[in-house]
């Protein structure tokens, strides 16, 4: 009977540890998402250099610093998501070619 209680106790502890690890993983992902959002928001200083018809083509030091602070995964994920938006909104796929 003691063996069964010990196994039940270990199972209960393992389940509690699993729940804690899951919560920690979710919090980490949430923090990463919030960090990515902040990093992307900081790229607003680059707007004068990327809008169609922009007269300023060389990015400012502030723009370069903001771009440098964006994590690679954040920027790549955002570009990947943005490229899928038209099809998810039932719009034609964008084909930009070499227009720049």
C-alpha atoms as a PDB file:
ATOM      1  CA  UNK A   1       0.000   0.000   0.000  1.00  0.00           C
ATOM      2  CA  UNK A   2       2.916   2.350   0.767  1.00  0.00           C
ATOM      3  CA  UNK A   3       4.269   1.791  -2.738  1.00  0.00           C
ATOM      4  CA  UNK A   4       0.952   2.872  -4.270  1.00  0.00           C
ATOM      5  CA  UNK A   5       0.887   6.000  -2.083  1.00  0.00           C
ATOM      6  CA  UNK A   6       4.483   6.795  -3.070  1.00  0.00           C
ATOM      7  CA  UNK A   7       3.709   6.358  -6.769  1.00  0.00           C
ATOM      8  CA  UNK A   8       0.576   8.472  -6.430  1.00  0.00           C
ATOM      9  CA  UNK A   9       2.573  11.147  -4.614  1.00  0.00           C
ATOM     10  CA  UNK A  10       5.267  11.133  -7.327  1.00  0.00           C
ATOM     11  CA  UNK A  11       2.630  11.314 -10.063  1.00  0.00           C
ATOM     12  CA  UNK A  12       1.026  14.246  -8.311  1.00  0.00           C
ATOM     13  CA  UNK A  13       4.396  15.999  -7.983  1.00  0.00           C
ATOM     14  CA  UNK A  14       5.244  15.294 -11.616  1.00  0.00           C
ATOM     15  CA  UNK A  15       1.886  16.721 -12.690  1.00  0.00           C
ATOM     16  CA  UNK A  16       2.496  19.842 -10.601  1.00  0.00           C
ATOM     17  CA  UNK A  17       5.945  20.279 -12.133  1.00  0.00           C
ATOM     18  CA  UNK A  18       4.500  19.823 -15.624  1.00  0.00           C
ATOM     19  CA  UNK A  19       1.873  22.490 -14.933  1.00  0.00           C
ATOM     20  CA  UNK A  20       4.551  24.878 -13.665  1.00  0.00           C
ATOM     21  CA  UNK A  21       6.715  24.254 -16.738  1.00  0.00           C
ATOM     22  CA  UNK A  22       3.739  24.838 -19.015  1.00  0.00           C
ATOM     23  CA  UNK A  23       2.889  28.108 -17.270  1.00  0.00           C
ATOM     24  CA  UNK A  24       6.521  29.206 -17.511  1.00  0.00           C
ATOM     25  CA  UNK A  25       6.608  28.381 -21.237  1.00  0.00           C
ATOM     26  CA  UNK A  26       3.411  30.345 -21.888  1.00  0.00           C
ATOM     27  CA  UNK A  27       4.728  33.327 -19.940  1.00  0.00           C
ATOM     28  CA  UNK A  28       7.993  33.186 -21.880  1.00  0.00           C
ATOM     29  CA  UNK A  29       6.128  33.146 -25.217  1.00  0.00           C
ATOM     30  CA  UNK A  30       3.928  36.035 -24.065  1.00  0.00           C
ATOM     31  CA  UNK A  31       6.984  38.032 -23.029  1.00  0.00           C
ATOM     32  CA  UNK A  32       8.650  37.337 -26.392  1.00  0.00           C
ATOM     33  CA  UNK A  33       5.519  38.452 -28.241  1.00  0.00           C
ATOM     34  CA  UNK A  34       5.336  41.653 -26.218  1.00  0.00           C
ATOM     35  CA  UNK A  35       9.042  42.278 -26.791  1.00  0.00           C
ATOM     36  CA  UNK A  36       8.612  41.731 -30.533  1.00  0.00           C
ATOM     37  CA  UNK A  37       5.668  44.137 -30.615  1.00  0.00           C
ATOM     38  CA  UNK A  38       7.732  46.789 -28.863  1.00  0.00           C
ATOM     39  CA  UNK A  39      10.681  46.231 -31.182  1.00  0.00           C
ATOM     40  CA  UNK A  40       8.454  46.563 -34.242  1.00  0.00           C
ATOM     41  CA  UNK A  41       6.768  49.682 -32.864  1.00  0.00           C
ATOM     42  CA  UNK A  42      10.193  51.256 -32.485  1.00  0.00           C
ATOM     43  CA  UNK A  43      10.628  50.870 -36.247  1.00  0.00           C
ATOM     44  CA  UNK A  44       8.165  53.738 -36.767  1.00  0.00           C
ATOM     45  CA  UNK A  45      11.203  56.023 -37.004  1.00  0.00           C
ATOM     46  CA  UNK A  46      11.964  54.243 -40.301  1.00  0.00           C
ATOM     47  CA  UNK A  47       8.632  55.205 -41.906  1.00  0.00           C
ATOM     48  CA  UNK A  48      10.009  58.240 -43.799  1.00  0.00           C
ATOM     49  CA  UNK A  49      12.451  55.942 -45.578  1.00  0.00           C
ATOM     50  CA  UNK A  50      10.162  53.071 -46.578  1.00  0.00           C
ATOM     51  CA  UNK A  51       6.883  54.587 -47.745  1.00  0.00           C
ATOM     52  CA  UNK A  52       6.308  54.728 -51.506  1.00  0.00           C
ATOM     53  CA  UNK A  53       7.480  58.037 -52.922  1.00  0.00           C
ATOM     54  CA  UNK A  54       9.812  58.734 -50.013  1.00  0.00           C
ATOM     55  CA  UNK A  55      12.253  61.503 -50.805  1.00  0.00           C
ATOM     56  CA  UNK A  56      14.671  60.387 -48.129  1.00  0.00           C
ATOM     57  CA  UNK A  57      16.211  57.107 -49.179  1.00  0.00           C
ATOM     58  CA  UNK A  58      19.056  56.841 -46.678  1.00  0.00           C
ATOM     59  CA  UNK A  59      17.857  55.702 -43.254  1.00  0.00           C
ATOM     60  CA  UNK A  60      18.623  57.875 -40.256  1.00  0.00           C
ATOM     61  CA  UNK A  61      20.870  56.677 -37.424  1.00  0.00           C
ATOM     62  CA  UNK A  62      17.697  56.295 -35.305  1.00  0.00           C
ATOM     63  CA  UNK A  63      16.148  54.021 -37.925  1.00  0.00           C
ATOM     64  CA  UNK A  64      19.301  51.921 -38.156  1.00  0.00           C
ATOM     65  CA  UNK A  65      19.474  51.625 -34.364  1.00  0.00           C
ATOM     66  CA  UNK A  66      15.804  50.599 -34.192  1.00  0.00           C
ATOM     67  CA  UNK A  67      16.310  48.012 -36.921  1.00  0.00           C
ATOM     68  CA  UNK A  68      19.404  46.663 -35.207  1.00  0.00           C
ATOM     69  CA  UNK A  69      17.456  46.213 -31.960  1.00  0.00           C
ATOM     70  CA  UNK A  70      14.826  43.980 -33.595  1.00  0.00           C
ATOM     71  CA  UNK A  71      15.506  40.304 -32.992  1.00  0.00           C
ATOM     72  CA  UNK A  72      16.042  38.282 -36.184  1.00  0.00           C
ATOM     73  CA  UNK A  73      13.197  35.865 -35.356  1.00  0.00           C
ATOM     74  CA  UNK A  74      10.826  38.744 -34.642  1.00  0.00           C
ATOM     75  CA  UNK A  75      11.477  40.429 -37.987  1.00  0.00           C
ATOM     76  CA  UNK A  76      11.408  37.204 -40.006  1.00  0.00           C
ATOM     77  CA  UNK A  77       8.214  35.993 -38.352  1.00  0.00           C
ATOM     78  CA  UNK A  78       6.537  39.337 -38.948  1.00  0.00           C
ATOM     79  CA  UNK A  79       7.506  39.398 -42.618  1.00  0.00           C
ATOM     80  CA  UNK A  80       6.343  35.811 -43.030  1.00  0.00           C
ATOM     81  CA  UNK A  81       2.994  36.547 -41.392  1.00  0.00           C
ATOM     82  CA  UNK A  82       2.554  39.729 -43.423  1.00  0.00           C
ATOM     83  CA  UNK A  83       3.216  37.853 -46.665  1.00  0.00           C
ATOM     84  CA  UNK A  84       0.410  35.392 -45.833  1.00  0.00           C
ATOM     85  CA  UNK A  85      -2.185  38.038 -44.975  1.00  0.00           C
ATOM     86  CA  UNK A  86      -3.557  38.603 -48.491  1.00  0.00           C
ATOM     87  CA  UNK A  87      -4.448  34.937 -48.996  1.00  0.00           C
ATOM     88  CA  UNK A  88      -5.924  34.716 -45.492  1.00  0.00           C
ATOM     89  CA  UNK A  89      -8.117  37.716 -46.357  1.00  0.00           C
ATOM     90  CA  UNK A  90      -9.145  36.143 -49.680  1.00  0.00           C
ATOM     91  CA  UNK A  91      -7.165  38.713 -51.657  1.00  0.00           C
ATOM     92  CA  UNK A  92      -4.857  38.052 -54.599  1.00  0.00           C
ATOM     93  CA  UNK A  93      -1.276  37.132 -53.761  1.00  0.00           C
ATOM     94  CA  UNK A  94       1.091  40.078 -53.869  1.00  0.00           C
ATOM     95  CA  UNK A  95       3.687  39.996 -56.606  1.00  0.00           C
ATOM     96  CA  UNK A  96       6.037  42.921 -56.165  1.00  0.00           C
ATOM     97  CA  UNK A  97       8.906  41.867 -58.396  1.00  0.00           C
ATOM     98  CA  UNK A  98      11.851  44.226 -58.552  1.00  0.00           C
ATOM     99  CA  UNK A  99       9.995  47.508 -58.353  1.00  0.00           C
ATOM    100  CA  UNK A 100      12.562  49.149 -56.147  1.00  0.00           C
END
